N, C-alpha and C. Protein backbone atom coordinates (compact mmCIF):
# COMPACT_ATOMS: atom_id res chain seq x y z
N ARG A 1 -17.08 0.25 4.00
CA ARG A 1 -16.49 -0.68 4.96
C ARG A 1 -15.00 -0.44 5.05
N SER A 2 -14.45 -0.64 6.19
CA SER A 2 -13.00 -0.49 6.32
C SER A 2 -12.40 -1.84 6.70
N PRO A 3 -11.17 -2.08 6.25
CA PRO A 3 -10.56 -3.37 6.55
C PRO A 3 -10.35 -3.52 8.05
N THR A 4 -10.80 -4.61 8.59
CA THR A 4 -10.60 -4.88 10.00
C THR A 4 -10.11 -6.31 10.15
N GLY A 5 -9.44 -6.56 11.25
CA GLY A 5 -9.01 -7.92 11.58
C GLY A 5 -8.31 -8.61 10.43
N GLY A 6 -8.81 -9.80 10.11
CA GLY A 6 -8.21 -10.63 9.09
C GLY A 6 -8.22 -10.02 7.70
N GLN A 7 -9.22 -9.19 7.42
CA GLN A 7 -9.31 -8.60 6.09
C GLN A 7 -8.13 -7.65 5.84
N SER A 8 -7.80 -6.82 6.80
CA SER A 8 -6.69 -5.89 6.59
C SER A 8 -5.36 -6.65 6.50
N GLU A 9 -5.23 -7.71 7.27
CA GLU A 9 -4.01 -8.52 7.18
C GLU A 9 -3.92 -9.19 5.81
N TRP A 10 -5.04 -9.69 5.30
CA TRP A 10 -5.06 -10.32 3.98
C TRP A 10 -4.64 -9.31 2.91
N ILE A 11 -5.17 -8.09 3.00
CA ILE A 11 -4.79 -7.05 2.04
C ILE A 11 -3.29 -6.81 2.10
N SER A 12 -2.75 -6.66 3.30
CA SER A 12 -1.32 -6.35 3.42
C SER A 12 -0.45 -7.49 2.89
N ARG A 13 -0.86 -8.72 3.12
CA ARG A 13 -0.08 -9.86 2.61
C ARG A 13 -0.15 -9.94 1.09
N GLN A 14 -1.32 -9.67 0.53
CA GLN A 14 -1.45 -9.66 -0.92
C GLN A 14 -0.54 -8.61 -1.53
N VAL A 15 -0.58 -7.41 -0.97
CA VAL A 15 0.21 -6.30 -1.50
C VAL A 15 1.70 -6.63 -1.40
N ALA A 16 2.14 -7.19 -0.28
CA ALA A 16 3.54 -7.56 -0.15
C ALA A 16 3.94 -8.60 -1.20
N SER A 17 3.06 -9.55 -1.46
CA SER A 17 3.38 -10.59 -2.44
C SER A 17 3.48 -10.01 -3.85
N PHE A 18 2.71 -8.97 -4.15
CA PHE A 18 2.77 -8.35 -5.49
C PHE A 18 4.14 -7.74 -5.73
N ALA A 19 4.72 -7.13 -4.70
CA ALA A 19 6.03 -6.51 -4.87
C ALA A 19 7.13 -7.55 -4.94
N ARG A 20 6.97 -8.63 -4.18
CA ARG A 20 8.04 -9.62 -4.07
C ARG A 20 8.04 -10.65 -5.18
N TYR A 21 6.88 -10.98 -5.72
CA TYR A 21 6.78 -12.08 -6.69
C TYR A 21 6.08 -11.60 -7.96
N GLU A 22 6.83 -11.46 -9.01
CA GLU A 22 6.30 -10.94 -10.26
C GLU A 22 5.10 -11.75 -10.75
N GLY A 23 5.13 -13.06 -10.58
CA GLY A 23 4.04 -13.92 -11.05
C GLY A 23 2.73 -13.71 -10.32
N LYS A 24 2.75 -13.07 -9.16
CA LYS A 24 1.54 -12.84 -8.39
C LYS A 24 0.93 -11.46 -8.64
N ARG A 25 1.61 -10.63 -9.41
CA ARG A 25 1.14 -9.27 -9.64
C ARG A 25 -0.09 -9.25 -10.54
N PRO A 26 -1.04 -8.40 -10.19
CA PRO A 26 -2.18 -8.22 -11.10
C PRO A 26 -1.72 -7.51 -12.37
N ARG A 27 -2.38 -7.83 -13.45
CA ARG A 27 -2.05 -7.19 -14.73
C ARG A 27 -2.22 -5.69 -14.59
N GLY A 28 -1.21 -4.95 -15.02
CA GLY A 28 -1.27 -3.49 -14.99
C GLY A 28 -0.54 -2.85 -13.82
N LEU A 29 -0.16 -3.64 -12.81
CA LEU A 29 0.57 -3.07 -11.68
C LEU A 29 2.04 -2.97 -12.05
N VAL A 30 2.56 -1.76 -12.01
CA VAL A 30 3.96 -1.52 -12.34
C VAL A 30 4.74 -1.38 -11.05
N VAL A 31 5.71 -2.28 -10.85
CA VAL A 31 6.54 -2.28 -9.66
C VAL A 31 7.98 -2.01 -10.09
N ASP A 32 8.62 -1.04 -9.46
CA ASP A 32 10.00 -0.74 -9.86
C ASP A 32 10.99 -1.68 -9.18
N SER A 33 12.26 -1.53 -9.50
CA SER A 33 13.28 -2.45 -9.00
C SER A 33 13.46 -2.41 -7.49
N SER A 34 12.98 -1.34 -6.85
CA SER A 34 13.08 -1.25 -5.39
C SER A 34 11.85 -1.82 -4.69
N GLY A 35 10.90 -2.33 -5.48
CA GLY A 35 9.69 -2.89 -4.89
C GLY A 35 8.62 -1.85 -4.62
N ALA A 36 8.69 -0.71 -5.30
CA ALA A 36 7.74 0.38 -5.08
C ALA A 36 6.72 0.46 -6.21
N PHE A 37 5.52 0.92 -5.85
CA PHE A 37 4.46 1.15 -6.82
C PHE A 37 3.51 2.19 -6.27
N ARG A 38 2.63 2.68 -7.12
CA ARG A 38 1.70 3.73 -6.71
C ARG A 38 0.38 3.14 -6.23
N LEU A 39 -0.19 3.78 -5.23
CA LEU A 39 -1.47 3.34 -4.71
C LEU A 39 -2.55 3.39 -5.79
N SER A 40 -2.51 4.40 -6.64
CA SER A 40 -3.52 4.50 -7.71
C SER A 40 -3.42 3.31 -8.66
N SER A 41 -2.21 2.87 -8.97
CA SER A 41 -2.01 1.73 -9.85
C SER A 41 -2.49 0.44 -9.18
N LEU A 42 -2.20 0.29 -7.89
CA LEU A 42 -2.64 -0.88 -7.14
C LEU A 42 -4.17 -0.94 -7.09
N THR A 43 -4.79 0.19 -6.83
CA THR A 43 -6.25 0.23 -6.74
C THR A 43 -6.89 -0.10 -8.08
N ALA A 44 -6.35 0.47 -9.16
CA ALA A 44 -6.92 0.24 -10.48
C ALA A 44 -6.72 -1.20 -10.95
N SER A 45 -5.55 -1.78 -10.64
CA SER A 45 -5.24 -3.12 -11.16
C SER A 45 -5.74 -4.25 -10.28
N TRP A 46 -6.02 -3.97 -9.00
CA TRP A 46 -6.39 -5.05 -8.08
C TRP A 46 -7.52 -4.65 -7.13
N GLY A 47 -7.39 -3.50 -6.51
CA GLY A 47 -8.32 -3.10 -5.47
C GLY A 47 -9.76 -3.00 -5.92
N GLU A 48 -9.98 -2.42 -7.09
CA GLU A 48 -11.35 -2.23 -7.57
C GLU A 48 -12.08 -3.55 -7.79
N GLN A 49 -11.38 -4.57 -8.27
CA GLN A 49 -12.04 -5.86 -8.50
C GLN A 49 -12.42 -6.54 -7.19
N HIS A 50 -11.75 -6.15 -6.10
CA HIS A 50 -12.08 -6.68 -4.77
C HIS A 50 -12.94 -5.70 -3.98
N ARG A 51 -13.33 -4.61 -4.64
CA ARG A 51 -14.17 -3.57 -4.05
C ARG A 51 -13.53 -2.87 -2.86
N PHE A 52 -12.21 -2.66 -2.96
CA PHE A 52 -11.48 -1.90 -1.96
C PHE A 52 -11.19 -0.52 -2.50
N THR A 53 -11.36 0.49 -1.66
CA THR A 53 -11.02 1.86 -2.03
C THR A 53 -9.55 2.11 -1.70
N LYS A 54 -9.05 3.23 -2.18
CA LYS A 54 -7.68 3.62 -1.85
C LYS A 54 -7.54 3.79 -0.34
N GLN A 55 -8.56 4.37 0.28
CA GLN A 55 -8.49 4.58 1.73
C GLN A 55 -8.41 3.25 2.48
N GLN A 56 -9.16 2.26 2.05
CA GLN A 56 -9.15 0.96 2.72
C GLN A 56 -7.80 0.26 2.58
N ILE A 57 -7.25 0.31 1.37
CA ILE A 57 -5.94 -0.31 1.15
C ILE A 57 -4.88 0.40 1.98
N HIS A 58 -4.91 1.73 1.95
CA HIS A 58 -3.94 2.51 2.71
C HIS A 58 -4.05 2.21 4.20
N ALA A 59 -5.25 2.15 4.72
CA ALA A 59 -5.45 1.86 6.15
C ALA A 59 -4.91 0.47 6.50
N ALA A 60 -5.14 -0.50 5.64
CA ALA A 60 -4.64 -1.86 5.90
C ALA A 60 -3.12 -1.89 5.90
N LEU A 61 -2.50 -1.17 4.98
CA LEU A 61 -1.03 -1.15 4.92
C LEU A 61 -0.45 -0.44 6.14
N GLN A 62 -1.12 0.61 6.59
CA GLN A 62 -0.65 1.29 7.79
C GLN A 62 -0.79 0.41 9.02
N LYS A 63 -1.90 -0.32 9.10
CA LYS A 63 -2.13 -1.18 10.25
C LYS A 63 -1.08 -2.28 10.34
N HIS A 64 -0.61 -2.75 9.20
CA HIS A 64 0.35 -3.86 9.16
C HIS A 64 1.69 -3.39 8.59
N MET A 65 2.06 -2.16 8.91
CA MET A 65 3.25 -1.53 8.36
C MET A 65 4.54 -2.21 8.84
N TYR A 66 4.51 -2.85 10.01
CA TYR A 66 5.71 -3.44 10.59
C TYR A 66 5.65 -4.96 10.56
N HIS A 67 6.82 -5.58 10.40
CA HIS A 67 6.93 -7.02 10.51
C HIS A 67 6.68 -7.40 11.97
N GLU A 68 5.95 -8.49 12.17
CA GLU A 68 5.66 -8.93 13.53
C GLU A 68 6.94 -9.20 14.29
N ASN A 69 6.97 -8.81 15.54
CA ASN A 69 8.03 -9.12 16.50
C ASN A 69 9.41 -8.56 16.16
N SER A 70 9.57 -7.80 15.09
CA SER A 70 10.91 -7.31 14.79
C SER A 70 10.98 -5.79 14.79
N GLY A 71 9.86 -5.13 14.61
CA GLY A 71 9.86 -3.67 14.56
C GLY A 71 10.41 -3.09 13.28
N THR A 72 10.75 -3.95 12.32
CA THR A 72 11.25 -3.45 11.03
C THR A 72 10.06 -3.20 10.11
N LEU A 73 10.27 -2.30 9.17
CA LEU A 73 9.19 -1.93 8.26
C LEU A 73 8.90 -3.01 7.23
N ARG A 74 7.64 -3.30 7.05
CA ARG A 74 7.17 -4.13 5.94
C ARG A 74 6.85 -3.20 4.77
N PHE A 75 6.24 -2.07 5.06
CA PHE A 75 5.86 -1.09 4.04
C PHE A 75 6.35 0.29 4.45
N SER A 76 6.77 1.08 3.47
CA SER A 76 6.92 2.51 3.70
C SER A 76 6.01 3.19 2.69
N ILE A 77 5.37 4.24 3.12
CA ILE A 77 4.38 4.93 2.30
C ILE A 77 4.77 6.40 2.28
N SER A 78 4.90 6.95 1.08
CA SER A 78 5.26 8.36 0.97
C SER A 78 4.33 9.05 -0.01
N GLY A 79 4.08 10.31 0.29
CA GLY A 79 3.22 11.12 -0.57
C GLY A 79 3.95 11.58 -1.81
N MET A 80 3.18 11.84 -2.85
CA MET A 80 3.73 12.35 -4.10
C MET A 80 3.09 13.70 -4.38
N PRO A 81 3.76 14.57 -5.13
CA PRO A 81 3.21 15.90 -5.39
C PRO A 81 1.81 15.88 -6.02
N ALA A 82 1.51 14.89 -6.84
CA ALA A 82 0.21 14.85 -7.52
C ALA A 82 -0.89 14.32 -6.61
N GLY A 83 -0.58 14.01 -5.34
CA GLY A 83 -1.59 13.54 -4.41
C GLY A 83 -1.66 12.03 -4.30
N ASP A 84 -0.90 11.33 -5.11
CA ASP A 84 -0.88 9.86 -5.04
C ASP A 84 0.09 9.46 -3.94
N LEU A 85 0.14 8.18 -3.64
CA LEU A 85 1.07 7.66 -2.65
C LEU A 85 1.96 6.61 -3.31
N THR A 86 3.22 6.56 -2.88
CA THR A 86 4.14 5.51 -3.30
C THR A 86 4.27 4.53 -2.16
N ILE A 87 4.10 3.25 -2.46
CA ILE A 87 4.22 2.18 -1.49
C ILE A 87 5.48 1.39 -1.82
N ARG A 88 6.32 1.19 -0.83
CA ARG A 88 7.52 0.39 -1.02
C ARG A 88 7.46 -0.77 -0.04
N VAL A 89 7.72 -1.97 -0.53
CA VAL A 89 7.67 -3.17 0.29
C VAL A 89 9.10 -3.57 0.65
N HIS A 90 9.32 -3.82 1.95
CA HIS A 90 10.64 -4.20 2.44
C HIS A 90 10.61 -5.64 2.95
N LYS A 91 11.72 -6.32 2.78
CA LYS A 91 11.86 -7.68 3.33
C LYS A 91 12.32 -7.58 4.79
N ARG A 92 11.87 -8.50 5.59
CA ARG A 92 12.26 -8.51 7.00
C ARG A 92 13.77 -8.54 7.15
N ARG A 93 14.42 -9.36 6.33
CA ARG A 93 15.88 -9.52 6.48
C ARG A 93 16.64 -8.25 6.12
N ASP A 94 15.99 -7.31 5.42
CA ASP A 94 16.65 -6.04 5.11
C ASP A 94 16.79 -5.16 6.34
N GLY A 95 15.96 -5.42 7.36
CA GLY A 95 16.07 -4.70 8.63
C GLY A 95 15.79 -3.21 8.54
N VAL A 96 14.89 -2.79 7.66
CA VAL A 96 14.59 -1.37 7.50
C VAL A 96 13.80 -0.88 8.70
N LYS A 97 14.35 0.11 9.37
CA LYS A 97 13.69 0.70 10.53
C LYS A 97 13.04 2.01 10.11
N ALA A 98 11.97 2.35 10.80
CA ALA A 98 11.28 3.61 10.50
C ALA A 98 12.09 4.77 11.03
N THR A 99 12.20 5.81 10.23
CA THR A 99 12.78 7.06 10.69
C THR A 99 11.63 7.92 11.17
N PRO A 100 11.88 8.95 11.96
CA PRO A 100 10.76 9.81 12.39
C PRO A 100 9.96 10.34 11.22
N ALA A 101 10.63 10.69 10.12
CA ALA A 101 9.90 11.20 8.94
C ALA A 101 9.05 10.10 8.31
N ALA A 102 9.61 8.90 8.18
CA ALA A 102 8.86 7.80 7.56
C ALA A 102 7.66 7.41 8.40
N ALA A 103 7.81 7.48 9.71
CA ALA A 103 6.71 7.10 10.58
C ALA A 103 5.55 8.07 10.45
N GLN A 104 5.82 9.29 10.02
CA GLN A 104 4.78 10.30 9.92
C GLN A 104 4.28 10.51 8.50
N GLU A 105 4.89 9.86 7.52
CA GLU A 105 4.51 10.06 6.13
C GLU A 105 3.12 9.55 5.86
N ALA A 106 2.37 10.31 5.14
CA ALA A 106 1.07 9.91 4.58
C ALA A 106 0.15 9.22 5.57
N PRO A 107 -0.25 9.91 6.64
CA PRO A 107 -1.23 9.30 7.53
C PRO A 107 -2.54 9.06 6.80
N ALA A 108 -3.32 8.10 7.26
CA ALA A 108 -4.56 7.72 6.58
C ALA A 108 -5.45 8.93 6.36
N ALA A 109 -5.49 9.85 7.29
CA ALA A 109 -6.36 11.01 7.16
C ALA A 109 -5.92 11.93 6.01
N SER A 110 -4.67 11.77 5.54
CA SER A 110 -4.20 12.64 4.47
C SER A 110 -4.59 12.15 3.09
N VAL A 111 -5.15 10.96 2.98
CA VAL A 111 -5.58 10.47 1.68
C VAL A 111 -6.86 11.21 1.33
N PRO A 112 -6.87 11.94 0.23
CA PRO A 112 -8.05 12.72 -0.11
C PRO A 112 -9.31 11.87 -0.15
N ALA A 113 -10.40 12.44 0.32
CA ALA A 113 -11.67 11.71 0.36
C ALA A 113 -12.12 11.31 -1.03
N ALA A 114 -11.66 12.01 -2.04
CA ALA A 114 -12.07 11.70 -3.41
C ALA A 114 -11.50 10.38 -3.89
N PHE A 115 -10.43 9.90 -3.24
CA PHE A 115 -9.87 8.61 -3.64
C PHE A 115 -10.90 7.53 -3.45
N GLY A 116 -11.12 6.75 -4.47
CA GLY A 116 -12.04 5.62 -4.37
C GLY A 116 -13.50 6.01 -4.46
N VAL A 117 -13.79 7.28 -4.68
CA VAL A 117 -15.18 7.73 -4.76
C VAL A 117 -15.46 8.13 -6.19
N GLY A 118 -16.57 7.69 -6.73
CA GLY A 118 -16.93 8.06 -8.09
C GLY A 118 -16.22 7.22 -9.12
N GLY A 119 -16.46 7.51 -10.38
CA GLY A 119 -15.91 6.68 -11.44
C GLY A 119 -14.98 7.42 -12.35
N GLY A 120 -14.35 8.49 -11.90
CA GLY A 120 -13.57 9.32 -12.78
C GLY A 120 -12.14 8.90 -12.95
N GLY A 121 -11.73 7.71 -12.62
CA GLY A 121 -10.33 7.28 -12.62
C GLY A 121 -9.58 7.60 -13.87
N GLY A 122 -8.29 7.59 -13.79
CA GLY A 122 -7.43 7.89 -14.94
C GLY A 122 -6.97 6.62 -15.62
N GLY A 123 -5.94 6.77 -16.42
CA GLY A 123 -5.23 5.69 -16.90
C GLY A 123 -5.43 4.88 -17.96
């Protein structure tokens, strides 16, 4: 199943709250001082218990990447050499705009199909 409608919005709001509010973070999710974390960490600490794959989470974040009515970024997603993705959450008041490179980073189709499939996880 892929996140659609309200489900993808719910995912994006949950993920934003994890970066912004330490008390809302699932155990095991490591968020750095800039509000960034890895998709693999998010999936292992939260996504799996809700039966979401990496692809579903990534698709939801891409769908809701921008703050409503402002055009500023809510999330930026960048690829990492090991194939993981880094997710950074931005506040609306920060006014972060997408650059051409950021807008093209890590399209949903670039997430390897092996993400979220099988039980071989790390960590």
